[in-house]
Structures are given as structure tokens and as C-alpha cells.
Amino acid sequence: VYAGAFDLCAVSLRDDVPMFEAELSPGRVIWLPPFAEDRCQPRPVAEQDKEFDLLFVGTVDPETTPARHAFLERLGRAFPGLTLRRGDYTELFPRARVVLNIAERGDLNFRVFEALACGSCLLTPRIANGQDELFADGVHFVTYTPDDEGDAAAKTRALLADPARREALAR
């Protein structure tokens, strides 16, 4: 293991810590979750000025992100208000009523931290990797069953019908 060459190994996915601990001596592995950059700041946008009902920001390519691509195609049919964009998430997230995260590999990824730091209402898959240790479903964000476009669409419709809940989650 390459990590063995260092005094300390930081692992971003909580569920991978035991794998590293099995190869290294005790106390040399710590869980260090992802985080948002300092440039992420809440930028409240008035409800009437929000442009997107459900927004996903990231790469969507059938060759490099096949599971994401397939899920978003299905979700787009289940929820036609889905918008896909690439670009500066700090500019895009605040313009969305709901920001969508996808954890293609079950990872607690940067998009969770970025959306929350931007003050966005986040819809993210229910995963492991420390998500429940850091956040609470229904308090910090809303979760959907991974790869279940019907559940994601239903949760989006519920959030869109309840602006006060979206605002509370964004705070």
C-alpha cells in the first residue's frame, strides 16, 4: 500500500478507513471528509428570481459517467423540469430551487458540501461513507433512494410544493 510510506493517511470516504487501517499501524489513518472551498458563500436569491426547479451541475457523458448519464435521462422523463449545466456551481446553485446530487459510486462527494455551503436546498442520494454522521436527512438536505428516478422526482415535487421547507433546508 502506497499509504504505508507516510506517517499519517487521511481517507475521505468513511467506509474505506478499515481497509487502510488493516494495512497500517493503529493511529495512522484518519477520516477527513470533503469540504467546500472558501469561495462558497450563501447568496440568497429571491424565490421569484430562481431559474431552475431542479438543477444538476457537472459532467454528464455516456462514456465517462455512464450511470449518471442513464439516471439523468430517466429522471428527466420522470421530472421534465430537470436542468443540466456545467460551469461555476457558486453562480448556478443559488439560482436553483433544488440542487441535485448524484453519488455515482456511493461516495460522499464534494457536491454535497458545495451545495450546502452555497445555501442551497439539496436533494442527494441516501448513502453511507459518513453521510449520517455529518448530516441529518430532513434537516440539512433531503435524500432519495440511489438510482431511483421515481423517488427523486417525487421528493423534488414535494420540495417544490413547500417553499418554506426549501428555505429552511437551504439555511
Protein backbone atom coordinates (compact mmCIF):
# COMPACT_ATOMS: atom_id res chain seq x y z
CA VAL A 1 0.00 0.00 0.00
CA TYR A 2 1.40 3.37 -1.06
CA ALA A 3 -0.15 4.97 2.07
CA GLY A 4 2.27 2.97 4.21
CA ALA A 5 5.10 5.27 3.16
CA PHE A 6 3.58 8.16 5.12
CA ASP A 7 3.24 8.89 8.83
CA LEU A 8 -0.47 9.64 8.52
CA CYS A 9 -3.08 8.73 5.94
CA ALA A 10 -6.26 10.82 5.54
CA VAL A 11 -9.14 8.99 3.86
CA SER A 12 -12.13 10.94 2.52
CA LEU A 13 -14.60 8.04 2.32
CA ARG A 14 -15.53 6.84 5.81
CA ASP A 15 -16.23 3.29 4.66
CA ASP A 16 -12.68 2.97 3.28
CA VAL A 17 -11.00 3.67 6.64
CA PRO A 18 -11.00 -0.01 7.79
CA MET A 19 -9.30 -1.08 4.56
CA PHE A 20 -6.44 1.34 5.22
CA GLU A 21 -6.32 0.51 8.94
CA ALA A 22 -5.81 -3.16 8.06
CA GLU A 23 -2.60 -2.26 6.22
CA LEU A 24 -1.20 0.43 8.56
CA SER A 25 -0.36 0.54 12.23
CA PRO A 26 -3.02 1.91 14.64
CA GLY A 27 -3.50 5.66 14.72
CA ARG A 28 -2.08 6.30 11.25
CA VAL A 29 -5.43 6.56 9.46
CA ILE A 30 -7.95 9.33 9.95
CA TRP A 31 -11.24 10.14 8.26
CA LEU A 32 -11.08 13.56 6.62
CA PRO A 33 -14.37 14.24 4.79
CA PRO A 34 -14.52 16.52 1.77
CA PHE A 35 -15.26 20.21 2.32
CA ALA A 36 -16.29 23.27 0.34
CA GLU A 37 -13.88 25.92 -0.86
CA ASP A 38 -13.78 29.27 0.91
CA ARG A 39 -15.37 30.88 -2.13
CA CYS A 40 -18.64 29.07 -1.39
CA GLN A 41 -20.87 31.55 0.36
CA PRO A 42 -24.64 31.63 0.67
CA ARG A 43 -26.04 34.05 -1.89
CA PRO A 44 -29.76 34.20 -1.29
CA VAL A 45 -31.83 34.64 -4.42
CA ALA A 46 -35.49 35.62 -4.14
CA GLU A 47 -37.91 32.80 -4.97
CA GLN A 48 -39.29 34.67 -7.98
CA ASP A 49 -35.75 35.07 -9.36
CA LYS A 50 -34.83 31.38 -9.22
CA GLU A 51 -34.42 29.97 -12.72
CA PHE A 52 -34.23 26.21 -12.21
CA ASP A 53 -36.65 23.88 -10.45
CA LEU A 54 -34.15 21.01 -10.25
CA LEU A 55 -30.53 21.59 -11.23
CA PHE A 56 -27.62 19.22 -11.69
CA VAL A 57 -24.21 20.82 -12.26
CA GLY A 58 -21.46 18.53 -13.52
CA THR A 59 -20.24 16.32 -16.30
CA VAL A 60 -22.85 14.13 -17.97
CA ASP A 61 -21.28 11.86 -20.55
CA PRO A 62 -22.38 8.36 -21.55
CA GLU A 63 -18.76 7.21 -21.82
CA THR A 64 -17.14 8.76 -18.74
CA THR A 65 -20.17 8.88 -16.41
CA PRO A 66 -22.47 6.16 -17.78
CA ALA A 67 -24.53 5.54 -14.62
CA ARG A 68 -25.03 9.28 -14.08
CA HIS A 69 -26.00 9.77 -17.71
CA ALA A 70 -28.55 6.94 -17.62
CA PHE A 71 -30.04 8.10 -14.30
CA LEU A 72 -30.39 11.69 -15.50
CA GLU A 73 -32.07 10.57 -18.72
CA ARG A 74 -34.63 8.58 -16.70
CA LEU A 75 -35.07 11.39 -14.18
CA GLY A 76 -35.60 13.89 -17.00
CA ARG A 77 -38.52 11.79 -18.23
CA ALA A 78 -39.95 11.47 -14.69
CA PHE A 79 -39.37 15.15 -13.92
CA PRO A 80 -39.27 17.31 -17.07
CA GLY A 81 -38.14 20.38 -15.06
CA LEU A 82 -34.64 18.92 -14.64
CA THR A 83 -31.87 21.23 -15.88
CA LEU A 84 -28.31 20.07 -16.57
CA ARG A 85 -25.47 22.55 -16.58
CA ARG A 86 -21.70 22.73 -16.47
CA GLY A 87 -19.92 25.70 -15.05
CA ASP A 88 -19.33 27.59 -11.85
CA TYR A 89 -21.52 25.98 -9.22
CA THR A 90 -21.19 29.04 -6.97
CA GLU A 91 -23.08 31.01 -9.63
CA LEU A 92 -25.52 28.24 -10.58
CA PHE A 93 -26.58 26.66 -7.27
CA PRO A 94 -28.18 29.81 -5.81
CA ARG A 95 -30.39 30.11 -8.92
CA ALA A 96 -31.97 26.68 -8.29
CA ARG A 97 -34.95 25.83 -6.14
CA VAL A 98 -33.47 22.36 -5.65
CA VAL A 99 -29.90 21.24 -6.35
CA LEU A 100 -29.47 17.58 -7.29
CA ASN A 101 -26.52 15.47 -6.25
CA ILE A 102 -25.66 12.05 -7.65
CA ALA A 103 -23.26 9.72 -5.87
CA GLU A 104 -22.43 7.51 -8.82
CA ARG A 105 -20.09 5.35 -6.77
CA GLY A 106 -21.79 5.75 -3.38
CA ASP A 107 -19.33 8.44 -2.38
CA LEU A 108 -19.95 11.37 -0.07
CA ASN A 109 -18.77 13.81 -2.70
CA PHE A 110 -17.82 17.46 -2.84
CA ARG A 111 -21.17 18.48 -4.40
CA VAL A 112 -22.88 17.85 -1.03
CA PHE A 113 -20.55 20.23 0.78
CA GLU A 114 -20.58 22.77 -2.05
CA ALA A 115 -24.37 22.93 -2.30
CA LEU A 116 -24.76 23.27 1.46
CA ALA A 117 -22.05 25.95 1.66
CA CYS A 118 -23.79 27.88 -1.11
CA GLY A 119 -27.01 27.88 0.93
CA SER A 120 -28.90 25.65 -1.49
CA CYS A 121 -31.72 23.19 -0.92
CA LEU A 122 -30.06 19.86 -1.71
CA LEU A 123 -31.56 16.56 -2.88
CA THR A 124 -28.94 13.83 -2.57
CA PRO A 125 -28.94 10.02 -2.57
CA ARG A 126 -29.08 8.14 0.72
CA ILE A 127 -25.58 6.69 1.03
CA ALA A 128 -23.07 5.56 3.63
CA ASN A 129 -19.47 6.83 3.84
CA GLY A 130 -20.20 9.01 6.87
CA GLN A 131 -23.16 10.95 5.48
CA ASP A 132 -25.35 10.18 8.52
CA GLU A 133 -22.51 11.06 10.88
CA LEU A 134 -22.24 14.58 9.49
CA PHE A 135 -25.76 15.40 8.32
CA ALA A 136 -29.39 14.61 9.02
CA ASP A 137 -31.93 13.84 6.32
CA GLY A 138 -34.74 16.38 6.51
CA VAL A 139 -32.58 18.86 8.44
CA HIS A 140 -29.61 19.58 6.17
CA PHE A 141 -30.94 18.07 2.95
CA VAL A 142 -33.45 15.54 1.61
CA THR A 143 -32.36 12.10 0.45
CA TYR A 144 -33.71 9.85 -2.27
CA THR A 145 -33.12 6.17 -2.91
CA PRO A 146 -29.98 5.86 -5.07
CA ASP A 147 -30.65 5.33 -8.77
CA ASP A 148 -34.42 5.65 -8.21
CA GLU A 149 -35.67 8.36 -10.51
CA GLY A 150 -39.26 7.93 -9.29
CA ASP A 151 -38.23 8.64 -5.71
CA ALA A 152 -36.05 11.60 -6.74
CA ALA A 153 -38.87 13.07 -8.85
CA ALA A 154 -41.41 12.63 -6.03
CA LYS A 155 -39.10 14.24 -3.47
CA THR A 156 -38.45 17.12 -5.88
CA ARG A 157 -42.18 17.71 -6.38
CA ALA A 158 -42.70 17.70 -2.61
CA LEU A 159 -39.90 20.22 -2.11
CA LEU A 160 -41.17 22.47 -4.88
CA ALA A 161 -44.62 22.47 -3.27
CA ASP A 162 -43.17 23.67 0.04
CA PRO A 163 -41.07 26.85 -0.32
CA ALA A 164 -40.77 27.28 3.46
CA ARG A 165 -39.24 23.82 3.80
CA ARG A 166 -36.82 24.51 0.95
CA GLU A 167 -35.76 27.74 2.59
CA ALA A 168 -35.26 26.03 5.96
CA LEU A 169 -33.15 23.30 4.36
CA ALA A 170 -31.09 25.90 2.49
CA ARG A 171 -30.35 27.68 5.80
